[in-house]
C-alpha atoms as a PDB file:
ATOM      1  CA  MET A   1      21.294  51.249  27.005  1.00  0.00           C
ATOM      2  CA  ALA A   2      20.512  54.608  28.554  1.00  0.00           C
ATOM      3  CA  ILE A   3      17.938  57.396  28.884  1.00  0.00           C
ATOM      4  CA  CYS A   4      17.645  60.175  26.285  1.00  0.00           C
ATOM      5  CA  GLU A   5      17.993  63.575  27.944  1.00  0.00           C
ATOM      6  CA  LEU A   6      15.631  65.160  25.412  1.00  0.00           C
ATOM      7  CA  CYS A   7      12.675  62.783  24.989  1.00  0.00           C
ATOM      8  CA  GLY A   8      13.157  60.902  28.260  1.00  0.00           C
ATOM      9  CA  ARG A   9      12.797  57.429  26.738  1.00  0.00           C
ATOM     10  CA  SER A  10      14.777  54.723  28.512  1.00  0.00           C
ATOM     11  CA  GLY A  11      16.441  51.654  27.067  1.00  0.00           C
ATOM     12  CA  VAL A  12      17.686  53.559  24.025  1.00  0.00           C
ATOM     13  CA  GLU A  13      21.114  53.788  22.462  1.00  0.00           C
ATOM     14  CA  THR A  14      22.442  57.317  22.938  1.00  0.00           C
ATOM     15  CA  THR A  15      24.932  59.538  21.155  1.00  0.00           C
ATOM     16  CA  VAL A  16      26.725  62.644  22.398  1.00  0.00           C
ATOM     17  CA  HIS A  17      25.221  65.920  21.189  1.00  0.00           C
ATOM     18  CA  HIS A  18      27.311  69.065  21.618  1.00  0.00           C
ATOM     19  CA  LEU A  19      24.899  71.751  22.819  1.00  0.00           C
ATOM     20  CA  LEU A  20      27.132  74.318  21.116  1.00  0.00           C
ATOM     21  CA  PRO A  21      28.234  72.745  17.812  1.00  0.00           C
ATOM     22  CA  LYS A  22      31.906  71.773  17.703  1.00  0.00           C
ATOM     23  CA  GLU A  23      32.542  73.955  14.657  1.00  0.00           C
ATOM     24  CA  MET A  24      31.260  76.926  16.665  1.00  0.00           C
ATOM     25  CA  GLY A  25      33.681  76.364  19.537  1.00  0.00           C
ATOM     26  CA  GLY A  26      31.755  73.737  21.494  1.00  0.00           C
ATOM     27  CA  THR A  27      34.306  70.911  21.283  1.00  0.00           C
ATOM     28  CA  PHE A  28      34.964  70.993  25.022  1.00  0.00           C
ATOM     29  CA  GLY A  29      31.612  72.495  26.027  1.00  0.00           C
ATOM     30  CA  GLU A  30      28.476  70.982  27.486  1.00  0.00           C
ATOM     31  CA  THR A  31      27.032  67.868  25.897  1.00  0.00           C
ATOM     32  CA  ALA A  32      23.824  65.855  26.207  1.00  0.00           C
ATOM     33  CA  ASN A  33      23.191  62.152  25.704  1.00  0.00           C
ATOM     34  CA  LEU A  34      20.439  61.895  23.111  1.00  0.00           C
ATOM     35  CA  CYS A  35      18.801  58.918  21.461  1.00  0.00           C
ATOM     36  CA  ILE A  36      19.670  58.621  17.804  1.00  0.00           C
ATOM     37  CA  PRO A  37      16.232  59.793  16.503  1.00  0.00           C
ATOM     38  CA  CYS A  38      16.306  62.952  18.666  1.00  0.00           C
ATOM     39  CA  HIS A  39      19.875  63.748  17.641  1.00  0.00           C
ATOM     40  CA  LYS A  40      19.135  63.219  13.954  1.00  0.00           C
ATOM     41  CA  GLN A  41      15.923  65.266  14.133  1.00  0.00           C
ATOM     42  CA  ILE A  42      17.727  68.291  15.593  1.00  0.00           C
ATOM     43  CA  HIS A  43      20.266  68.269  12.766  1.00  0.00           C
ATOM     44  CA  ALA A  44      17.590  67.545  10.143  1.00  0.00           C
ATOM     45  CA  LEU A  45      15.626  70.623  11.191  1.00  0.00           C
ATOM     46  CA  TYR A  46      18.385  73.089  12.000  1.00  0.00           C
ATOM     47  CA  SER A  47      21.808  74.131  10.752  1.00  0.00           C
ATOM     48  CA  ASN A  48      24.694  74.412  13.200  1.00  0.00           C
ATOM     49  CA  ASN A  49      24.363  78.201  12.947  1.00  0.00           C
ATOM     50  CA  GLU A  50      20.719  78.020  14.059  1.00  0.00           C
ATOM     51  CA  ILE A  51      21.570  75.590  16.868  1.00  0.00           C
ATOM     52  CA  ALA A  52      24.397  77.846  18.093  1.00  0.00           C
ATOM     53  CA  ALA A  53      22.180  80.943  17.949  1.00  0.00           C
ATOM     54  CA  ARG A  54      19.232  79.668  19.974  1.00  0.00           C
ATOM     55  CA  LEU A  55      19.221  75.962  20.877  1.00  0.00           C
ATOM     56  CA  THR A  56      22.184  75.581  23.229  1.00  0.00           C
ATOM     57  CA  SER A  57      20.467  73.827  26.145  1.00  0.00           C
ATOM     58  CA  ILE A  58      18.183  70.848  26.659  1.00  0.00           C
ATOM     59  CA  GLN A  59      15.499  73.232  27.954  1.00  0.00           C
ATOM     60  CA  LYS A  60      15.664  75.379  24.793  1.00  0.00           C
ATOM     61  CA  LEU A  61      15.518  72.246  22.622  1.00  0.00           C
ATOM     62  CA  ARG A  62      12.460  70.993  24.542  1.00  0.00           C
ATOM     63  CA  GLU A  63      10.737  74.361  24.122  1.00  0.00           C
ATOM     64  CA  ASP A  64      11.332  74.519  20.367  1.00  0.00           C
ATOM     65  CA  GLU A  65       8.021  74.305  18.500  1.00  0.00           C
ATOM     66  CA  LYS A  66       9.180  71.866  15.815  1.00  0.00           C
ATOM     67  CA  LEU A  67      10.977  69.576  18.253  1.00  0.00           C
ATOM     68  CA  THR A  68       8.086  69.568  20.757  1.00  0.00           C
ATOM     69  CA  SER A  69       5.723  67.823  18.346  1.00  0.00           C
ATOM     70  CA  PHE A  70       8.426  65.343  17.313  1.00  0.00           C
ATOM     71  CA  ILE A  71       9.256  64.517  20.947  1.00  0.00           C
ATOM     72  CA  LYS A  72       5.559  64.057  21.769  1.00  0.00           C
ATOM     73  CA  TRP A  73       5.260  61.551  18.905  1.00  0.00           C
ATOM     74  CA  LEU A  74       8.589  59.849  19.661  1.00  0.00           C
ATOM     75  CA  ARG A  75       7.692  59.168  23.308  1.00  0.00           C
ATOM     76  CA  LYS A  76       4.943  56.840  22.051  1.00  0.00           C
ATOM     77  CA  GLN A  77       7.404  54.776  19.996  1.00  0.00           C
ATOM     78  CA  PRO A  78       9.185  51.680  21.316  1.00  0.00           C
ATOM     79  CA  PRO A  79      12.884  52.255  22.097  1.00  0.00           C
ATOM     80  CA  THR A  80      13.876  49.588  19.580  1.00  0.00           C
ATOM     81  CA  LYS A  81      12.048  51.192  16.638  1.00  0.00           C
ATOM     82  CA  ILE A  82      14.338  52.336  13.820  1.00  0.00           C
ATOM     83  CA  MET A  83      12.981  55.360  11.991  1.00  0.00           C
ATOM     84  CA  LYS A  84      14.088  57.385   9.008  1.00  0.00           C
ATOM     85  CA  ILE A  85      14.775  61.015   9.695  1.00  0.00           C
ATOM     86  CA  LYS A  86      14.769  63.278   6.658  1.00  0.00           C
ATOM     87  CA  LYS A  87      16.212  66.747   6.351  1.00  0.00           C
ATOM     88  CA  SER A  88      13.457  69.372   6.454  1.00  0.00           C
ATOM     89  CA  ASN A  89      12.531  71.058   3.186  1.00  0.00           C
ATOM     90  CA  GLU A  90      13.691  74.369   4.679  1.00  0.00           C
ATOM     91  CA  ARG A  91      17.165  72.930   5.313  1.00  0.00           C
ATOM     92  CA  LYS A  92      17.280  71.424   1.805  1.00  0.00           C
ATOM     93  CA  ARG A  93      16.451  74.798   0.210  1.00  0.00           C
ATOM     94  CA  LYS A  94      19.099  76.621   2.252  1.00  0.00           C
ATOM     95  CA  LYS A  95      21.858  74.305   0.977  1.00  0.00           C
ATOM     96  CA  LYS A  96      21.158  75.152  -2.677  1.00  0.00           C
END
């Protein structure tokens, strides 16, 4: 178990998040260890194009308005809690 670099919770399982999406050339670039809920929330809210355009650092992710409220809520949750993360309605509409 580790510490999430985005929400700061400890004792969580982490995954590797490419700060610049792999499909945008970030395969060998900087990465961050994020807990699964944080990682899923980023990709539920934003496309890889949006992430590549403006969310390429932990600081920028922390400052994002939509992620800030999620992180504030998530910090109150126990590290063992499993939660469902759904794609935002904006992301769903863009796919169609």
